[in-house]
């Protein structure tokens, strides 16, 4: 329905609109967590705290890299059309997707695991967020299978969803790295 009403602009508006709704939905929860953090479960001392924050920063860089490396992941019209209907014609794995299928899930989990302090309420939010991210990952993969068919299924066999495998990365035919 939205695709028909917005036309070709729906592709460009989808991700910003989705992100805006996500932020607006999470803001009241973040405010409540700030006002009522709950009992402290642990607090990591320096210098370990700063190492953890450094890891969180690195994980936070993964998401923009993932957007840049896989614009096809957000082509809604192509995902609804079926296998090989996209403008790209093929999956064209590049960047971080050569080592991990869902860098968004990975970066979210790393940020949560490396939190240098934990309260009861934050733990509950993190557990719910983990379930949300995992279910979202399953949803996106279903759409990518619909978009790319067997090509994506083969990719799933070679690359783990969240555990990066640095020694054996996926290469596209014609890549200089695959020679």
Protein backbone atom coordinates (compact mmCIF):
# COMPACT_ATOMS: atom_id res chain seq x y z
CA UNK A 1 0.00 0.00 0.00
CA UNK A 2 2.77 2.46 0.94
CA UNK A 3 4.78 1.36 -2.11
CA UNK A 4 1.85 2.23 -4.41
CA UNK A 5 1.19 5.59 -2.73
CA UNK A 6 4.83 6.77 -2.56
CA UNK A 7 5.97 5.17 -5.82
CA UNK A 8 9.71 5.03 -6.49
CA UNK A 9 10.39 7.39 -3.58
CA UNK A 10 9.36 4.64 -1.16
CA UNK A 11 12.77 2.98 -1.60
CA UNK A 12 14.61 6.14 -0.53
CA UNK A 13 12.20 7.01 2.26
CA UNK A 14 11.95 3.54 3.80
CA UNK A 15 15.21 3.46 5.77
CA UNK A 16 15.02 7.05 7.11
CA UNK A 17 11.35 6.58 8.05
CA UNK A 18 12.05 3.24 9.72
CA UNK A 19 15.00 4.74 11.62
CA UNK A 20 12.94 7.74 12.75
CA UNK A 21 10.12 5.53 14.03
CA UNK A 22 12.67 3.32 15.83
CA UNK A 23 14.29 6.32 17.54
CA UNK A 24 10.92 7.83 18.54
CA UNK A 25 9.84 4.48 19.92
CA UNK A 26 13.03 3.96 21.95
CA UNK A 27 13.31 7.51 23.37
CA UNK A 28 10.65 7.06 26.10
CA UNK A 29 12.31 3.79 27.16
CA UNK A 30 15.74 5.45 27.27
CA UNK A 31 14.29 8.29 29.37
CA UNK A 32 12.70 5.84 31.82
CA UNK A 33 15.96 3.90 32.04
CA UNK A 34 17.83 7.14 32.75
CA UNK A 35 15.35 8.15 35.48
CA UNK A 36 15.19 4.67 37.04
CA UNK A 37 18.34 2.66 36.22
CA UNK A 38 17.70 0.02 38.87
CA UNK A 39 20.12 -1.83 41.10
CA UNK A 40 23.73 -1.92 39.86
CA UNK A 41 24.86 -5.46 39.01
CA UNK A 42 28.46 -4.59 38.16
CA UNK A 43 30.73 -1.68 37.30
CA UNK A 44 34.05 -2.33 35.52
CA UNK A 45 36.97 -0.19 36.80
CA UNK A 46 39.46 1.74 34.66
CA UNK A 47 41.46 0.96 32.52
CA UNK A 48 39.28 -2.02 31.52
CA UNK A 49 36.26 0.26 31.24
CA UNK A 50 38.01 2.30 28.52
CA UNK A 51 38.98 -0.85 26.61
CA UNK A 52 35.33 -1.87 26.63
CA UNK A 53 34.21 1.57 25.45
CA UNK A 54 36.84 1.38 22.70
CA UNK A 55 35.35 -1.94 21.60
CA UNK A 56 31.91 -0.34 21.58
CA UNK A 57 33.18 2.48 19.36
CA UNK A 58 34.67 -0.02 16.91
CA UNK A 59 31.39 -1.97 16.87
CA UNK A 60 29.53 1.30 16.31
CA UNK A 61 31.57 1.88 13.17
CA UNK A 62 30.37 -1.45 11.73
CA UNK A 63 26.80 -0.24 11.12
CA UNK A 64 27.69 2.62 8.74
CA UNK A 65 30.14 0.29 6.97
CA UNK A 66 27.36 -2.26 6.59
CA UNK A 67 25.02 0.34 5.05
CA UNK A 68 27.72 1.31 2.56
CA UNK A 69 28.68 -2.27 1.68
CA UNK A 70 25.16 -3.54 0.99
CA UNK A 71 22.71 -1.07 -0.50
CA UNK A 72 20.78 -4.06 -1.95
CA UNK A 73 19.82 -5.03 1.60
CA UNK A 74 17.41 -2.08 1.64
CA UNK A 75 15.83 -2.43 -1.81
CA UNK A 76 12.29 -3.17 -0.67
CA UNK A 77 10.71 -3.32 -4.14
CA UNK A 78 13.33 -5.86 -5.27
CA UNK A 79 12.76 -8.01 -2.21
CA UNK A 80 9.04 -8.11 -2.90
CA UNK A 81 9.53 -8.95 -6.59
CA UNK A 82 11.34 -12.25 -6.16
CA UNK A 83 14.71 -13.79 -7.03
CA UNK A 84 17.03 -11.86 -9.36
CA UNK A 85 14.58 -8.96 -9.80
CA UNK A 86 16.94 -6.35 -8.40
CA UNK A 87 18.81 -3.80 -10.46
CA UNK A 88 22.09 -5.31 -9.33
CA UNK A 89 21.16 -8.71 -10.73
CA UNK A 90 23.37 -10.54 -8.25
CA UNK A 91 24.29 -10.43 -4.59
CA UNK A 92 27.74 -8.84 -5.05
CA UNK A 93 29.16 -9.55 -1.60
CA UNK A 94 31.72 -6.94 -0.54
CA UNK A 95 33.24 -5.34 2.53
CA UNK A 96 32.23 -6.60 5.94
CA UNK A 97 29.64 -8.98 4.43
CA UNK A 98 32.48 -11.22 3.26
CA UNK A 99 33.08 -12.20 6.90
CA UNK A 100 29.69 -11.86 8.61
CA UNK A 101 26.13 -11.95 7.22
CA UNK A 102 24.57 -9.57 9.74
CA UNK A 103 26.98 -6.90 10.94
CA UNK A 104 24.05 -4.98 12.47
CA UNK A 105 23.28 -7.88 14.80
CA UNK A 106 26.98 -8.37 15.55
CA UNK A 107 27.62 -4.70 16.32
CA UNK A 108 24.51 -4.46 18.50
CA UNK A 109 25.52 -7.50 20.52
CA UNK A 110 29.11 -6.29 20.92
CA UNK A 111 27.94 -2.86 22.14
CA UNK A 112 25.69 -4.53 24.70
CA UNK A 113 28.24 -7.10 25.85
CA UNK A 114 30.93 -4.46 26.30
CA UNK A 115 28.83 -2.16 28.47
CA UNK A 116 31.18 -1.32 31.37
CA UNK A 117 28.34 -1.18 33.91
CA UNK A 118 25.10 -3.12 34.25
CA UNK A 119 21.89 -2.47 36.10
CA UNK A 120 18.88 -4.75 36.43
CA UNK A 121 16.74 -2.56 34.17
CA UNK A 122 19.50 -2.20 31.56
CA UNK A 123 19.94 -5.97 31.52
CA UNK A 124 16.21 -6.41 30.84
CA UNK A 125 16.37 -3.86 28.00
CA UNK A 126 19.44 -5.61 26.56
CA UNK A 127 17.75 -9.02 26.68
CA UNK A 128 14.68 -7.66 24.88
CA UNK A 129 16.89 -5.84 22.38
CA UNK A 130 18.81 -9.04 21.65
CA UNK A 131 15.56 -10.86 20.87
CA UNK A 132 14.44 -7.94 18.67
CA UNK A 133 17.74 -7.81 16.76
CA UNK A 134 17.78 -11.58 16.22
CA UNK A 135 14.19 -11.68 14.98
CA UNK A 136 14.92 -8.68 12.74
CA UNK A 137 17.92 -10.54 11.34
CA UNK A 138 15.74 -13.55 10.51
CA UNK A 139 13.21 -11.24 8.83
CA UNK A 140 15.85 -9.52 6.66
CA UNK A 141 17.33 -12.85 5.64
CA UNK A 142 13.90 -14.08 4.56
CA UNK A 143 13.58 -10.99 2.37
CA UNK A 144 17.08 -11.46 0.94
CA UNK A 145 16.33 -15.09 0.10
CA UNK A 146 13.20 -13.85 -1.70
CA UNK A 147 15.32 -11.27 -3.55
CA UNK A 148 18.34 -13.39 -4.48
CA UNK A 149 17.10 -16.99 -4.17
CA UNK A 150 19.70 -19.76 -4.35
CA UNK A 151 22.57 -17.26 -4.54
CA UNK A 152 21.73 -16.03 -1.03
CA UNK A 153 21.20 -19.59 0.25
CA UNK A 154 24.74 -20.48 -0.88
CA UNK A 155 26.05 -17.36 0.84
CA UNK A 156 24.29 -18.44 4.05
CA UNK A 157 26.15 -21.76 3.90
CA UNK A 158 29.53 -20.03 3.58
CA UNK A 159 29.23 -17.09 6.00
CA UNK A 160 28.02 -17.20 9.61
CA UNK A 161 25.28 -14.80 10.68
CA UNK A 162 27.18 -13.11 13.54
CA UNK A 163 30.52 -14.82 14.13
CA UNK A 164 33.09 -13.36 11.74
CA UNK A 165 35.42 -15.83 10.07
CA UNK A 166 38.43 -13.84 8.96
CA UNK A 167 40.44 -16.65 7.37
CA UNK A 168 37.89 -17.78 4.79
CA UNK A 169 36.04 -14.86 3.32
CA UNK A 170 33.55 -14.96 0.45
CA UNK A 171 34.78 -13.60 -2.86
CA UNK A 172 32.75 -12.66 -5.91
CA UNK A 173 33.69 -14.03 -9.31
CA UNK A 174 35.87 -11.48 -11.06
CA UNK A 175 37.29 -9.98 -7.85
CA UNK A 176 41.03 -9.43 -7.96
CA UNK A 177 41.21 -10.88 -4.43
CA UNK A 178 39.83 -14.23 -5.64
CA UNK A 179 42.66 -14.86 -8.10
